[in-house]
Protein backbone atom coordinates (compact mmCIF):
# COMPACT_ATOMS: atom_id res chain seq x y z
CA MET A 1 67.90 73.90 86.69
CA SER A 2 70.59 76.40 86.32
CA LYS A 3 72.01 78.18 89.53
CA GLN A 4 72.26 81.95 89.48
CA LYS A 5 75.38 83.65 90.34
CA THR A 6 75.41 85.81 93.59
CA ILE A 7 77.80 88.15 95.13
CA ARG A 8 78.71 88.55 98.57
CA VAL A 9 79.33 92.10 99.77
CA VAL A 10 80.90 93.07 103.26
CA GLN A 11 81.07 96.75 104.21
CA ILE A 12 84.65 97.45 105.54
CA ALA A 13 84.57 101.35 105.84
CA SER A 14 82.17 104.15 107.11
CA PRO A 15 80.68 106.58 104.37
CA ILE A 16 81.03 109.65 106.51
CA GLY A 17 82.69 112.27 104.79
CA ARG A 18 82.02 110.88 101.34
CA GLN A 19 79.74 111.73 98.64
CA GLY A 20 75.86 111.33 99.05
CA TYR A 21 75.60 108.85 96.24
CA GLN A 22 78.24 106.55 98.06
CA LYS A 23 75.83 106.40 101.07
CA LYS A 24 72.76 105.90 98.89
CA CYS A 25 74.63 103.12 97.11
CA LEU A 26 75.49 101.40 100.22
CA ILE A 27 71.64 101.82 101.36
CA GLY A 28 70.60 100.03 98.12
CA LEU A 29 72.86 97.23 98.71
CA GLY A 30 71.37 96.68 102.15
CA LEU A 31 74.48 97.85 103.92
CA ASN A 32 74.59 100.74 106.60
CA LYS A 33 77.24 99.42 109.27
CA ILE A 34 80.71 98.23 109.17
CA ASN A 35 80.99 94.36 108.82
CA ARG A 36 77.41 93.96 107.67
CA THR A 37 77.38 91.23 104.91
CA ARG A 38 74.73 90.56 102.15
CA VAL A 39 74.22 87.99 99.64
CA LEU A 40 72.75 89.52 96.49
CA PRO A 41 71.97 88.07 93.06
CA TYR A 42 74.78 88.91 90.66
CA ASN A 43 73.52 91.25 87.86
CA ASP A 44 74.74 94.59 86.18
CA SER A 45 72.67 97.00 88.43
CA ILE A 46 74.08 95.38 91.65
CA PHE A 47 77.70 95.24 90.23
CA GLY A 48 77.47 98.63 89.19
CA MET A 49 76.58 99.77 92.47
CA VAL A 50 79.45 97.79 94.16
CA LYS A 51 81.90 99.43 91.73
CA LYS A 52 80.76 102.89 92.82
CA VAL A 53 81.64 102.05 96.53
CA LYS A 54 84.54 99.49 95.92
CA HIS A 55 86.79 101.37 98.23
CA LEU A 56 84.19 100.98 101.03
CA VAL A 57 83.20 97.23 100.52
CA LYS A 58 84.84 93.88 99.90
CA TYR A 59 83.19 91.51 97.58
CA GLU A 60 83.39 87.98 96.13
CA ILE A 61 81.40 86.51 93.38
CA MET A 62 80.13 83.16 93.98
CA ASP A 63 78.51 80.30 91.88
């Protein structure tokens, strides 16, 4: 049984005044308020959204 990698994402800034796609990426990640945390499966689509809003979030890839 193999463990799937996960990524922990914490929102650290507000999307107010940012472009619309950045707010949509945060909503897609399940974030909408500062200091909200989500643990998500690590895959290319999730990591792509994290990279689009890397200035608004902190993230940590876990095993």
